Amino acid sequence: MATNNTNQPLTPAVFHILLALSSGERHGYGIMKQVETDSHGKVTMGPGTLYGSLKRMLDAGLVRESDKRIDPEMDDERRIYYQITGIGTEALASELERYKRIVSLAQERQLYPKTYGIQP
């Protein structure tokens, strides 16, 4: 399958991988560390989840393997770097918009301040 319906919700793993790749190409371990950083340590992704998700994302056209390597002198040349595609960027944007609508709805219903102790 070469295309992805960007209107479909993303799994948490796919969302976090796309978010990690939105700031640049990364190899697998780099993606795992970026996900951990982005989530302030609340999301940890093991190799099975990461590489299983990446395979499905490659098949769906959300990511692709990069042709370039970051300074082979400083890096293991066997590492595969991944980059987000246009379809992946669209899927991430759709998911972020979906999250934005959910947060707005929670604020309208005044759930946000009660739930998190945040004053409007």
PDB file of N, CA and C in Angstrom:
ATOM      1  N   MET A   1       0.847  -1.177   0.000  1.00  0.00           N
ATOM      2  CA  MET A   1       0.000   0.000   0.000  1.00  0.00           C
ATOM      3  C   MET A   1       0.886   1.232   0.000  1.00  0.00           C
ATOM      4  N   ALA A   2       0.783   2.024  -1.011  1.00  0.00           N
ATOM      5  CA  ALA A   2       1.673   3.166  -1.180  1.00  0.00           C
ATOM      6  C   ALA A   2       1.112   4.452  -0.593  1.00  0.00           C
ATOM      7  N   THR A   3      -0.150   4.479  -0.279  1.00  0.00           N
ATOM      8  CA  THR A   3      -0.731   5.714   0.254  1.00  0.00           C
ATOM      9  C   THR A   3      -1.359   5.453   1.610  1.00  0.00           C
ATOM     10  N   ASN A   4      -1.604   6.538   2.322  1.00  0.00           N
ATOM     11  CA  ASN A   4      -2.218   6.440   3.642  1.00  0.00           C
ATOM     12  C   ASN A   4      -3.361   7.435   3.699  1.00  0.00           C
ATOM     13  N   ASN A   5      -4.466   7.036   4.306  1.00  0.00           N
ATOM     14  CA  ASN A   5      -5.573   7.960   4.494  1.00  0.00           C
ATOM     15  C   ASN A   5      -5.233   8.834   5.697  1.00  0.00           C
ATOM     16  N   THR A   6      -4.916  10.093   5.428  1.00  0.00           N
ATOM     17  CA  THR A   6      -4.467  10.978   6.505  1.00  0.00           C
ATOM     18  C   THR A   6      -5.600  11.358   7.443  1.00  0.00           C
ATOM     19  N   ASN A   7      -6.822  10.932   7.154  1.00  0.00           N
ATOM     20  CA  ASN A   7      -7.943  11.217   8.054  1.00  0.00           C
ATOM     21  C   ASN A   7      -8.085  10.158   9.145  1.00  0.00           C
ATOM     22  N   GLN A   8      -7.333   9.084   9.037  1.00  0.00           N
ATOM     23  CA  GLN A   8      -7.403   8.023  10.030  1.00  0.00           C
ATOM     24  C   GLN A   8      -6.535   8.374  11.236  1.00  0.00           C
ATOM     25  N   PRO A   9      -7.048   8.130  12.455  1.00  0.00           N
ATOM     26  CA  PRO A   9      -6.206   8.384  13.630  1.00  0.00           C
ATOM     27  C   PRO A   9      -4.950   7.513  13.592  1.00  0.00           C
ATOM     28  N   LEU A  10      -3.864   8.054  14.106  1.00  0.00           N
ATOM     29  CA  LEU A  10      -2.604   7.328  14.168  1.00  0.00           C
ATOM     30  C   LEU A  10      -2.507   6.563  15.477  1.00  0.00           C
ATOM     31  N   THR A  11      -1.806   5.461  15.459  1.00  0.00           N
ATOM     32  CA  THR A  11      -1.525   4.768  16.718  1.00  0.00           C
ATOM     33  C   THR A  11      -0.548   5.644  17.505  1.00  0.00           C
ATOM     34  N   PRO A  12      -0.507   5.494  18.822  1.00  0.00           N
ATOM     35  CA  PRO A  12       0.450   6.289  19.605  1.00  0.00           C
ATOM     36  C   PRO A  12       1.893   6.108  19.131  1.00  0.00           C
ATOM     37  N   ALA A  13       2.295   4.885  18.792  1.00  0.00           N
ATOM     38  CA  ALA A  13       3.671   4.650  18.340  1.00  0.00           C
ATOM     39  C   ALA A  13       3.949   5.413  17.047  1.00  0.00           C
ATOM     40  N   VAL A  14       3.056   5.325  16.084  1.00  0.00           N
ATOM     41  CA  VAL A  14       3.236   6.010  14.806  1.00  0.00           C
ATOM     42  C   VAL A  14       3.259   7.524  15.024  1.00  0.00           C
ATOM     43  N   PHE A  15       2.370   8.028  15.852  1.00  0.00           N
ATOM     44  CA  PHE A  15       2.349   9.461  16.160  1.00  0.00           C
ATOM     45  C   PHE A  15       3.699   9.910  16.713  1.00  0.00           C
ATOM     46  N   HIS A  16       4.219   9.196  17.697  1.00  0.00           N
ATOM     47  CA  HIS A  16       5.481   9.597  18.319  1.00  0.00           C
ATOM     48  C   HIS A  16       6.664   9.473  17.356  1.00  0.00           C
ATOM     49  N   ILE A  17       6.656   8.468  16.498  1.00  0.00           N
ATOM     50  CA  ILE A  17       7.734   8.318  15.513  1.00  0.00           C
ATOM     51  C   ILE A  17       7.697   9.469  14.521  1.00  0.00           C
ATOM     52  N   LEU A  18       6.512   9.804  14.007  1.00  0.00           N
ATOM     53  CA  LEU A  18       6.401  10.928  13.073  1.00  0.00           C
ATOM     54  C   LEU A  18       6.822  12.233  13.732  1.00  0.00           C
ATOM     55  N   LEU A  19       6.411  12.419  14.973  1.00  0.00           N
ATOM     56  CA  LEU A  19       6.793  13.622  15.708  1.00  0.00           C
ATOM     57  C   LEU A  19       8.317  13.692  15.843  1.00  0.00           C
ATOM     58  N   ALA A  20       8.943  12.569  16.161  1.00  0.00           N
ATOM     59  CA  ALA A  20      10.406  12.531  16.294  1.00  0.00           C
ATOM     60  C   ALA A  20      11.095  12.849  14.971  1.00  0.00           C
ATOM     61  N   LEU A  21      10.541  12.354  13.870  1.00  0.00           N
ATOM     62  CA  LEU A  21      11.150  12.577  12.564  1.00  0.00           C
ATOM     63  C   LEU A  21      10.825  13.943  11.978  1.00  0.00           C
ATOM     64  N   SER A  22       9.867  14.654  12.565  1.00  0.00           N
ATOM     65  CA  SER A  22       9.469  15.959  12.026  1.00  0.00           C
ATOM     66  C   SER A  22      10.589  16.991  12.147  1.00  0.00           C
ATOM     67  N   SER A  23      11.544  16.747  13.041  1.00  0.00           N
ATOM     68  CA  SER A  23      12.639  17.702  13.214  1.00  0.00           C
ATOM     69  C   SER A  23      13.923  17.247  12.518  1.00  0.00           C
ATOM     70  N   GLY A  24      13.860  16.134  11.789  1.00  0.00           N
ATOM     71  CA  GLY A  24      15.030  15.698  11.031  1.00  0.00           C
ATOM     72  C   GLY A  24      15.164  14.194  10.978  1.00  0.00           C
ATOM     73  N   GLU A  25      16.055  13.748  10.096  1.00  0.00           N
ATOM     74  CA  GLU A  25      16.299  12.321   9.912  1.00  0.00           C
ATOM     75  C   GLU A  25      16.938  11.737  11.159  1.00  0.00           C
ATOM     76  N   ARG A  26      16.587  10.490  11.444  1.00  0.00           N
ATOM     77  CA  ARG A  26      17.155   9.791  12.605  1.00  0.00           C
ATOM     78  C   ARG A  26      17.248   8.305  12.303  1.00  0.00           C
ATOM     79  N   HIS A  27      18.169   7.643  12.967  1.00  0.00           N
ATOM     80  CA  HIS A  27      18.234   6.182  12.919  1.00  0.00           C
ATOM     81  C   HIS A  27      17.366   5.655  14.062  1.00  0.00           C
ATOM     82  N   GLY A  28      17.184   4.348  14.116  1.00  0.00           N
ATOM     83  CA  GLY A  28      16.263   3.752  15.081  1.00  0.00           C
ATOM     84  C   GLY A  28      16.499   4.160  16.519  1.00  0.00           C
ATOM     85  N   TYR A  29      17.732   4.043  16.977  1.00  0.00           N
ATOM     86  CA  TYR A  29      18.027   4.398  18.368  1.00  0.00           C
ATOM     87  C   TYR A  29      17.773   5.889  18.598  1.00  0.00           C
ATOM     88  N   GLY A  30      18.103   6.703  17.605  1.00  0.00           N
ATOM     89  CA  GLY A  30      17.847   8.145  17.707  1.00  0.00           C
ATOM     90  C   GLY A  30      16.361   8.449  17.819  1.00  0.00           C
ATOM     91  N   ILE A  31      15.536   7.690  17.091  1.00  0.00           N
ATOM     92  CA  ILE A  31      14.081   7.862  17.185  1.00  0.00           C
ATOM     93  C   ILE A  31      13.615   7.506  18.595  1.00  0.00           C
ATOM     94  N   MET A  32      14.091   6.366  19.115  1.00  0.00           N
ATOM     95  CA  MET A  32      13.684   5.953  20.465  1.00  0.00           C
ATOM     96  C   MET A  32      14.052   7.011  21.502  1.00  0.00           C
ATOM     97  N   LYS A  33      15.256   7.570  21.402  1.00  0.00           N
ATOM     98  CA  LYS A  33      15.695   8.585  22.368  1.00  0.00           C
ATOM     99  C   LYS A  33      14.895   9.882  22.205  1.00  0.00           C
ATOM    100  N   GLN A  34      14.554  10.255  20.958  1.00  0.00           N
ATOM    101  CA  GLN A  34      13.776  11.472  20.731  1.00  0.00           C
ATOM    102  C   GLN A  34      12.361  11.322  21.272  1.00  0.00           C
ATOM    103  N   VAL A  35      11.761  10.154  21.098  1.00  0.00           N
ATOM    104  CA  VAL A  35      10.421   9.892  21.639  1.00  0.00           C
ATOM    105  C   VAL A  35      10.447  10.034  23.159  1.00  0.00           C
ATOM    106  N   GLU A  36      11.478   9.473  23.777  1.00  0.00           N
ATOM    107  CA  GLU A  36      11.606   9.575  25.230  1.00  0.00           C
ATOM    108  C   GLU A  36      11.766  11.037  25.664  1.00  0.00           C
ATOM    109  N   THR A  37      12.569  11.798  24.939  1.00  0.00           N
ATOM    110  CA  THR A  37      12.766  13.223  25.242  1.00  0.00           C
ATOM    111  C   THR A  37      11.482  14.008  25.028  1.00  0.00           C
ATOM    112  N   ASP A  38      10.839  13.796  23.875  1.00  0.00           N
ATOM    113  CA  ASP A  38       9.601  14.536  23.555  1.00  0.00           C
ATOM    114  C   ASP A  38       8.509  14.297  24.585  1.00  0.00           C
ATOM    115  N   SER A  39       8.464  13.083  25.142  1.00  0.00           N
ATOM    116  CA  SER A  39       7.403  12.723  26.085  1.00  0.00           C
ATOM    117  C   SER A  39       7.828  12.927  27.536  1.00  0.00           C
ATOM    118  N   HIS A  40       8.986  13.545  27.736  1.00  0.00           N
ATOM    119  CA  HIS A  40       9.521  13.758  29.089  1.00  0.00           C
ATOM    120  C   HIS A  40       9.619  12.438  29.856  1.00  0.00           C
ATOM    121  N   GLY A  41      10.002  11.374  29.134  1.00  0.00           N
ATOM    122  CA  GLY A  41      10.205  10.078  29.754  1.00  0.00           C
ATOM    123  C   GLY A  41       8.951   9.252  29.984  1.00  0.00           C
ATOM    124  N   LYS A  42       7.805   9.770  29.578  1.00  0.00           N
ATOM    125  CA  LYS A  42       6.548   9.049  29.815  1.00  0.00           C
ATOM    126  C   LYS A  42       6.289   7.966  28.764  1.00  0.00           C
ATOM    127  N   VAL A  43       6.935   8.075  27.606  1.00  0.00           N
ATOM    128  CA  VAL A  43       6.782   7.071  26.556  1.00  0.00           C
ATOM    129  C   VAL A  43       8.165   6.496  26.256  1.00  0.00           C
ATOM    130  N   THR A  44       8.293   5.198  26.430  1.00  0.00           N
ATOM    131  CA  THR A  44       9.510   4.506  26.022  1.00  0.00           C
ATOM    132  C   THR A  44       9.114   3.480  24.983  1.00  0.00           C
ATOM    133  N   MET A  45       9.907   3.393  23.950  1.00  0.00           N
ATOM    134  CA  MET A  45       9.589   2.524  22.829  1.00  0.00           C
ATOM    135  C   MET A  45      10.706   1.504  22.672  1.00  0.00           C
ATOM    136  N   GLY A  46      10.355   0.253  22.747  1.00  0.00           N
ATOM    137  CA  GLY A  46      11.339  -0.800  22.559  1.00  0.00           C
ATOM    138  C   GLY A  46      11.586  -1.070  21.089  1.00  0.00           C
ATOM    139  N   PRO A  47      12.637  -1.821  20.785  1.00  0.00           N
ATOM    140  CA  PRO A  47      12.971  -2.111  19.387  1.00  0.00           C
ATOM    141  C   PRO A  47      11.854  -2.824  18.621  1.00  0.00           C
ATOM    142  N   GLY A  48      11.138  -3.734  19.274  1.00  0.00           N
ATOM    143  CA  GLY A  48      10.067  -4.456  18.582  1.00  0.00           C
ATOM    144  C   GLY A  48       8.963  -3.522  18.107  1.00  0.00           C
ATOM    145  N   THR A  49       8.530  -2.650  19.002  1.00  0.00           N
ATOM    146  CA  THR A  49       7.495  -1.675  18.638  1.00  0.00           C
ATOM    147  C   THR A  49       8.006  -0.724  17.567  1.00  0.00           C
ATOM    148  N   LEU A  50       9.226  -0.225  17.758  1.00  0.00           N
ATOM    149  CA  LEU A  50       9.789   0.741  16.812  1.00  0.00           C
ATOM    150  C   LEU A  50       9.909   0.151  15.414  1.00  0.00           C
ATOM    151  N   TYR A  51      10.598  -0.973  15.293  1.00  0.00           N
ATOM    152  CA  TYR A  51      10.864  -1.501  13.954  1.00  0.00           C
ATOM    153  C   TYR A  51       9.626  -2.121  13.307  1.00  0.00           C
ATOM    154  N   GLY A  52       8.712  -2.666  14.103  1.00  0.00           N
ATOM    155  CA  GLY A  52       7.437  -3.123  13.550  1.00  0.00           C
ATOM    156  C   GLY A  52       6.637  -1.955  13.000  1.00  0.00           C
ATOM    157  N   SER A  53       6.601  -0.863  13.757  1.00  0.00           N
ATOM    158  CA  SER A  53       5.888   0.344  13.312  1.00  0.00           C
ATOM    159  C   SER A  53       6.558   0.940  12.075  1.00  0.00           C
ATOM    160  N   LEU A  54       7.893   1.027  12.093  1.00  0.00           N
ATOM    161  CA  LEU A  54       8.605   1.588  10.936  1.00  0.00           C
ATOM    162  C   LEU A  54       8.337   0.783   9.666  1.00  0.00           C
ATOM    163  N   LYS A  55       8.280  -0.545   9.780  1.00  0.00           N
ATOM    164  CA  LYS A  55       7.997  -1.357   8.596  1.00  0.00           C
ATOM    165  C   LYS A  55       6.618  -1.023   8.036  1.00  0.00           C
ATOM    166  N   ARG A  56       5.627  -0.940   8.910  1.00  0.00           N
ATOM    167  CA  ARG A  56       4.274  -0.592   8.444  1.00  0.00           C
ATOM    168  C   ARG A  56       4.241   0.838   7.885  1.00  0.00           C
ATOM    169  N   MET A  57       4.987   1.737   8.502  1.00  0.00           N
ATOM    170  CA  MET A  57       5.032   3.129   8.040  1.00  0.00           C
ATOM    171  C   MET A  57       5.728   3.238   6.683  1.00  0.00           C
ATOM    172  N   LEU A  58       6.775   2.447   6.468  1.00  0.00           N
ATOM    173  CA  LEU A  58       7.435   2.406   5.157  1.00  0.00           C
ATOM    174  C   LEU A  58       6.447   1.916   4.097  1.00  0.00           C
ATOM    175  N   ASP A  59       5.732   0.827   4.419  1.00  0.00           N
ATOM    176  CA  ASP A  59       4.743   0.267   3.485  1.00  0.00           C
ATOM    177  C   ASP A  59       3.641   1.268   3.165  1.00  0.00           C
ATOM    178  N   ALA A  60       3.253   2.081   4.152  1.00  0.00           N
ATOM    179  CA  ALA A  60       2.177   3.060   3.971  1.00  0.00           C
ATOM    180  C   ALA A  60       2.664   4.361   3.345  1.00  0.00           C
ATOM    181  N   GLY A  61       3.976   4.511   3.201  1.00  0.00           N
ATOM    182  CA  GLY A  61       4.514   5.727   2.600  1.00  0.00           C
ATOM    183  C   GLY A  61       4.626   6.903   3.558  1.00  0.00           C
ATOM    184  N   LEU A  62       4.529   6.640   4.860  1.00  0.00           N
ATOM    185  CA  LEU A  62       4.633   7.716   5.855  1.00  0.00           C
ATOM    186  C   LEU A  62       6.081   8.139   6.096  1.00  0.00           C
ATOM    187  N   VAL A  63       6.991   7.191   5.947  1.00  0.00           N
ATOM    188  CA  VAL A  63       8.423   7.445   6.103  1.00  0.00           C
ATOM    189  C   VAL A  63       9.156   6.745   4.967  1.00  0.00           C
ATOM    190  N   ARG A  64      10.414   7.116   4.793  1.00  0.00           N
ATOM    191  CA  ARG A  64      11.271   6.425   3.828  1.00  0.00           C
ATOM    192  C   ARG A  64      12.678   6.343   4.414  1.00  0.00           C
ATOM    193  N   GLU A  65      13.439   5.401   3.876  1.00  0.00           N
ATOM    194  CA  GLU A  65      14.833   5.315   4.270  1.00  0.00           C
ATOM    195  C   GLU A  65      15.579   6.437   3.576  1.00  0.00           C
ATOM    196  N   SER A  66      16.478   7.064   4.297  1.00  0.00           N
ATOM    197  CA  SER A  66      17.256   8.170   3.751  1.00  0.00           C
ATOM    198  C   SER A  66      18.433   7.630   2.954  1.00  0.00           C
ATOM    199  N   ASP A  67      18.802   8.336   1.900  1.00  0.00           N
ATOM    200  CA  ASP A  67      19.970   7.963   1.104  1.00  0.00           C
ATOM    201  C   ASP A  67      21.261   8.397   1.771  1.00  0.00           C
ATOM    202  N   LYS A  68      21.197   9.447   2.568  1.00  0.00           N
ATOM    203  CA  LYS A  68      22.432   9.974   3.150  1.00  0.00           C
ATOM    204  C   LYS A  68      22.638   9.459   4.566  1.00  0.00           C
ATOM    205  N   ARG A  69      23.860   9.504   4.985  1.00  0.00           N
ATOM    206  CA  ARG A  69      24.234   9.133   6.333  1.00  0.00           C
ATOM    207  C   ARG A  69      24.892  10.350   6.974  1.00  0.00           C
ATOM    208  N   ILE A  70      24.702  10.498   8.254  1.00  0.00           N
ATOM    209  CA  ILE A  70      25.281  11.633   8.954  1.00  0.00           C
ATOM    210  C   ILE A  70      26.707  11.285   9.344  1.00  0.00           C
ATOM    211  N   ASP A  71      27.684  11.912   8.703  1.00  0.00           N
ATOM    212  CA  ASP A  71      29.113  11.762   8.982  1.00  0.00           C
ATOM    213  C   ASP A  71      29.506  10.318   9.276  1.00  0.00           C
ATOM    214  N   PRO A  72      29.701   9.506   8.235  1.00  0.00           N
ATOM    215  CA  PRO A  72      30.050   8.093   8.430  1.00  0.00           C
ATOM    216  C   PRO A  72      31.278   7.882   9.320  1.00  0.00           C
ATOM    217  N   GLU A  73      32.170   8.861   9.390  1.00  0.00           N
ATOM    218  CA  GLU A  73      33.342   8.745  10.263  1.00  0.00           C
ATOM    219  C   GLU A  73      32.933   8.671  11.736  1.00  0.00           C
ATOM    220  N   MET A  74      31.846   9.333  12.072  1.00  0.00           N
ATOM    221  CA  MET A  74      31.403   9.422  13.458  1.00  0.00           C
ATOM    222  C   MET A  74      30.250   8.466  13.760  1.00  0.00           C
ATOM    223  N   ASP A  75      29.807   7.735  12.772  1.00  0.00           N
ATOM    224  CA  ASP A  75      28.594   6.944  12.927  1.00  0.00           C
ATOM    225  C   ASP A  75      28.803   5.546  12.362  1.00  0.00           C
ATOM    226  N   ASP A  76      27.996   4.623  12.772  1.00  0.00           N
ATOM    227  CA  ASP A  76      28.011   3.264  12.273  1.00  0.00           C
ATOM    228  C   ASP A  76      27.325   3.260  10.907  1.00  0.00           C
ATOM    229  N   GLU A  77      28.056   2.907   9.870  1.00  0.00           N
ATOM    230  CA  GLU A  77      27.507   2.963   8.506  1.00  0.00           C
ATOM    231  C   GLU A  77      26.355   1.986   8.284  1.00  0.00           C
ATOM    232  N   ARG A  78      26.193   1.019   9.182  1.00  0.00           N
ATOM    233  CA  ARG A  78      25.105   0.057   9.024  1.00  0.00           C
ATOM    234  C   ARG A  78      23.764   0.651   9.435  1.00  0.00           C
ATOM    235  N   ARG A  79      23.792   1.744  10.156  1.00  0.00           N
ATOM    236  CA  ARG A  79      22.541   2.337  10.624  1.00  0.00           C
ATOM    237  C   ARG A  79      21.729   2.850   9.452  1.00  0.00           C
ATOM    238  N   ILE A  80      20.442   2.580   9.527  1.00  0.00           N
ATOM    239  CA  ILE A  80      19.516   3.091   8.520  1.00  0.00           C
ATOM    240  C   ILE A  80      18.851   4.332   9.100  1.00  0.00           C
ATOM    241  N   TYR A  81      18.899   5.405   8.345  1.00  0.00           N
ATOM    242  CA  TYR A  81      18.241   6.643   8.760  1.00  0.00           C
ATOM    243  C   TYR A  81      16.892   6.730   8.077  1.00  0.00           C
ATOM    244  N   TYR A  82      15.930   7.265   8.807  1.00  0.00           N
ATOM    245  CA  TYR A  82      14.564   7.396   8.298  1.00  0.00           C
ATOM    246  C   TYR A  82      14.195   8.861   8.240  1.00  0.00           C
ATOM    247  N   GLN A  83      13.328   9.192   7.281  1.00  0.00           N
ATOM    248  CA  GLN A  83      12.825  10.560   7.179  1.00  0.00           C
ATOM    249  C   GLN A  83      11.326  10.518   6.910  1.00  0.00           C
ATOM    250  N   ILE A  84      10.654  11.542   7.383  1.00  0.00           N
ATOM    251  CA  ILE A  84       9.214  11.661   7.176  1.00  0.00           C
ATOM    252  C   ILE A  84       8.963  12.051   5.720  1.00  0.00           C
ATOM    253  N   THR A  85       7.881  11.556   5.145  1.00  0.00           N
ATOM    254  CA  THR A  85       7.506  11.890   3.766  1.00  0.00           C
ATOM    255  C   THR A  85       6.415  12.959   3.785  1.00  0.00           C
ATOM    256  N   GLY A  86       6.026  13.412   2.624  1.00  0.00           N
ATOM    257  CA  GLY A  86       4.911  14.358   2.534  1.00  0.00           C
ATOM    258  C   GLY A  86       3.633  13.770   3.101  1.00  0.00           C
ATOM    259  N   ILE A  87       3.386  12.505   2.802  1.00  0.00           N
ATOM    260  CA  ILE A  87       2.194  11.829   3.334  1.00  0.00           C
ATOM    261  C   ILE A  87       2.283  11.744   4.865  1.00  0.00           C
ATOM    262  N   GLY A  88       3.474  11.457   5.369  1.00  0.00           N
ATOM    263  CA  GLY A  88       3.673  11.400   6.809  1.00  0.00           C
ATOM    264  C   GLY A  88       3.448  12.745   7.470  1.00  0.00           C
ATOM    265  N   THR A  89       3.917  13.803   6.817  1.00  0.00           N
ATOM    266  CA  THR A  89       3.714  15.159   7.345  1.00  0.00           C
ATOM    267  C   THR A  89       2.232  15.501   7.391  1.00  0.00           C
ATOM    268  N   GLU A  90       1.501  15.122   6.344  1.00  0.00           N
ATOM    269  CA  GLU A  90       0.045  15.366   6.311  1.00  0.00           C
ATOM    270  C   GLU A  90      -0.662  14.576   7.415  1.00  0.00           C
ATOM    271  N   ALA A  91      -0.254  13.329   7.608  1.00  0.00           N
ATOM    272  CA  ALA A  91      -0.873  12.495   8.647  1.00  0.00           C
ATOM    273  C   ALA A  91      -0.600  13.074  10.028  1.00  0.00           C
ATOM    274  N   LEU A  92       0.624  13.550  10.259  1.00  0.00           N
ATOM    275  CA  LEU A  92       0.969  14.162  11.542  1.00  0.00           C
ATOM    276  C   LEU A  92       0.156  15.438  11.758  1.00  0.00           C
ATOM    277  N   ALA A  93       0.043  16.260  10.730  1.00  0.00           N
ATOM    278  CA  ALA A  93      -0.739  17.504  10.842  1.00  0.00           C
ATOM    279  C   ALA A  93      -2.203  17.199  11.152  1.00  0.00           C
ATOM    280  N   SER A  94      -2.767  16.182  10.514  1.00  0.00           N
ATOM    281  CA  SER A  94      -4.155  15.795  10.775  1.00  0.00           C
ATOM    282  C   SER A  94      -4.332  15.328  12.216  1.00  0.00           C
ATOM    283  N   GLU A  95      -3.365  14.560  12.699  1.00  0.00           N
ATOM    284  CA  GLU A  95      -3.450  14.062  14.074  1.00  0.00           C
ATOM    285  C   GLU A  95      -3.325  15.206  15.075  1.00  0.00           C
ATOM    286  N   LEU A  96      -2.426  16.140  14.824  1.00  0.00           N
ATOM    287  CA  LEU A  96      -2.274  17.297  15.715  1.00  0.00           C
ATOM    288  C   LEU A  96      -3.539  18.152  15.723  1.00  0.00           C
ATOM    289  N   GLU A  97      -4.184  18.278  14.579  1.00  0.00           N
ATOM    290  CA  GLU A  97      -5.451  19.018  14.502  1.00  0.00           C
ATOM    291  C   GLU A  97      -6.538  18.288  15.298  1.00  0.00           C
ATOM    292  N   ARG A  98      -6.548  16.969  15.220  1.00  0.00           N
ATOM    293  CA  ARG A  98      -7.502  16.153  15.981  1.00  0.00           C
ATOM    294  C   ARG A  98      -7.271  16.377  17.488  1.00  0.00           C
ATOM    295  N   TYR A  99      -6.029  16.367  17.911  1.00  0.00           N
ATOM    296  CA  TYR A  99      -5.706  16.611  19.323  1.00  0.00           C
ATOM    297  C   TYR A  99      -6.131  18.012  19.744  1.00  0.00           C
ATOM    298  N   LYS A 100      -5.907  18.980  18.874  1.00  0.00           N
ATOM    299  CA  LYS A 100      -6.278  20.371  19.166  1.00  0.00           C
ATOM    300  C   LYS A 100      -7.783  20.487  19.403  1.00  0.00           C
ATOM    301  N   ARG A 101      -8.577  19.806  18.570  1.00  0.00           N
ATOM    302  CA  ARG A 101     -10.041  19.831  18.737  1.00  0.00           C
ATOM    303  C   ARG A 101     -10.450  19.187  20.061  1.00  0.00           C
ATOM    304  N   ILE A 102      -9.783  18.117  20.437  1.00  0.00           N
ATOM    305  CA  ILE A 102     -10.104  17.443  21.697  1.00  0.00           C
ATOM    306  C   ILE A 102      -9.787  18.344  22.881  1.00  0.00           C
ATOM    307  N   VAL A 103      -8.636  19.011  22.858  1.00  0.00           N
ATOM    308  CA  VAL A 103      -8.254  19.914  23.947  1.00  0.00           C
ATOM    309  C   VAL A 103      -9.232  21.080  24.014  1.00  0.00           C
ATOM    310  N   SER A 104      -9.631  21.629  22.861  1.00  0.00           N
ATOM    311  CA  SER A 104     -10.613  22.725  22.837  1.00  0.00           C
ATOM    312  C   SER A 104     -11.941  22.292  23.445  1.00  0.00           C
ATOM    313  N   LEU A 105     -12.388  21.098  23.102  1.00  0.00           N
ATOM    314  CA  LEU A 105     -13.635  20.571  23.650  1.00  0.00           C
ATOM    315  C   LEU A 105     -13.527  20.402  25.168  1.00  0.00           C
ATOM    316  N   ALA A 106     -12.399  19.886  25.634  1.00  0.00           N
ATOM    317  CA  ALA A 106     -12.194  19.716  27.077  1.00  0.00           C
ATOM    318  C   ALA A 106     -12.210  21.078  27.778  1.00  0.00           C
ATOM    319  N   GLN A 107     -11.635  22.088  27.144  1.00  0.00           N
ATOM    320  CA  GLN A 107     -11.637  23.432  27.729  1.00  0.00           C
ATOM    321  C   GLN A 107     -13.050  24.015  27.747  1.00  0.00           C
ATOM    322  N   GLU A 108     -13.793  23.814  26.648  1.00  0.00           N
ATOM    323  CA  GLU A 108     -15.177  24.307  26.589  1.00  0.00           C
ATOM    324  C   GLU A 108     -16.026  23.682  27.696  1.00  0.00           C
ATOM    325  N   ARG A 109     -15.787  22.430  27.981  1.00  0.00           N
ATOM    326  CA  ARG A 109     -16.551  21.727  29.024  1.00  0.00           C
ATOM    327  C   ARG A 109     -15.942  21.922  30.404  1.00  0.00           C
ATOM    328  N   GLN A 110     -14.939  22.754  30.461  1.00  0.00           N
ATOM    329  CA  GLN A 110     -14.239  23.079  31.708  1.00  0.00           C
ATOM    330  C   GLN A 110     -13.693  21.835  32.399  1.00  0.00           C
ATOM    331  N   LEU A 111     -13.265  20.883  31.601  1.00  0.00           N
ATOM    332  CA  LEU A 111     -12.656  19.675  32.142  1.00  0.00           C
ATOM    333  C   LEU A 111     -11.179  19.901  32.420  1.00  0.00           C
ATOM    334  N   TYR A 112     -10.565  20.704  31.618  1.00  0.00           N
ATOM    335  CA  TYR A 112      -9.132  20.957  31.727  1.00  0.00           C
ATOM    336  C   TYR A 112      -8.738  21.471  33.101  1.00  0.00           C
ATOM    337  N   PRO A 113      -9.338  22.574  33.593  1.00  0.00           N
ATOM    338  CA  PRO A 113      -8.910  23.083  34.909  1.00  0.00           C
ATOM    339  C   PRO A 113      -9.152  22.089  36.047  1.00  0.00           C
ATOM    340  N   LYS A 114     -10.290  21.401  36.037  1.00  0.00           N
ATOM    341  CA  LYS A 114     -10.592  20.444  37.100  1.00  0.00           C
ATOM    342  C   LYS A 114      -9.628  19.264  37.068  1.00  0.00           C
ATOM    343  N   THR A 115      -9.346  18.785  35.868  1.00  0.00           N
ATOM    344  CA  THR A 115      -8.524  17.603  35.713  1.00  0.00           C
ATOM    345  C   THR A 115      -7.069  17.864  36.052  1.00  0.00           C
ATOM    346  N   TYR A 116      -6.552  18.993  35.619  1.00  0.00           N
ATOM    347  CA  TYR A 116      -5.125  19.239  35.733  1.00  0.00           C
ATOM    348  C   TYR A 116      -4.761  20.355  36.701  1.00  0.00           C
ATOM    349  N   GLY A 117      -5.735  20.974  37.343  1.00  0.00           N
ATOM    350  CA  GLY A 117      -5.446  22.041  38.281  1.00  0.00           C
ATOM    351  C   GLY A 117      -4.930  23.300  37.610  1.00  0.00           C
ATOM    352  N   ILE A 118      -5.247  23.461  36.322  1.00  0.00           N
ATOM    353  CA  ILE A 118      -4.797  24.628  35.567  1.00  0.00           C
ATOM    354  C   ILE A 118      -5.918  25.657  35.551  1.00  0.00           C
ATOM    355  N   GLN A 119      -5.578  26.870  35.856  1.00  0.00           N
ATOM    356  CA  GLN A 119      -6.574  27.947  35.826  1.00  0.00           C
ATOM    357  C   GLN A 119      -6.707  28.474  34.403  1.00  0.00           C
ATOM    358  N   PRO A 120      -7.958  28.735  33.959  1.00  0.00           N
ATOM    359  CA  PRO A 120      -8.152  29.229  32.577  1.00  0.00           C
ATOM    360  C   PRO A 120      -7.602  30.626  32.402  1.00  0.00           C
TER     361      PRO A 120
END
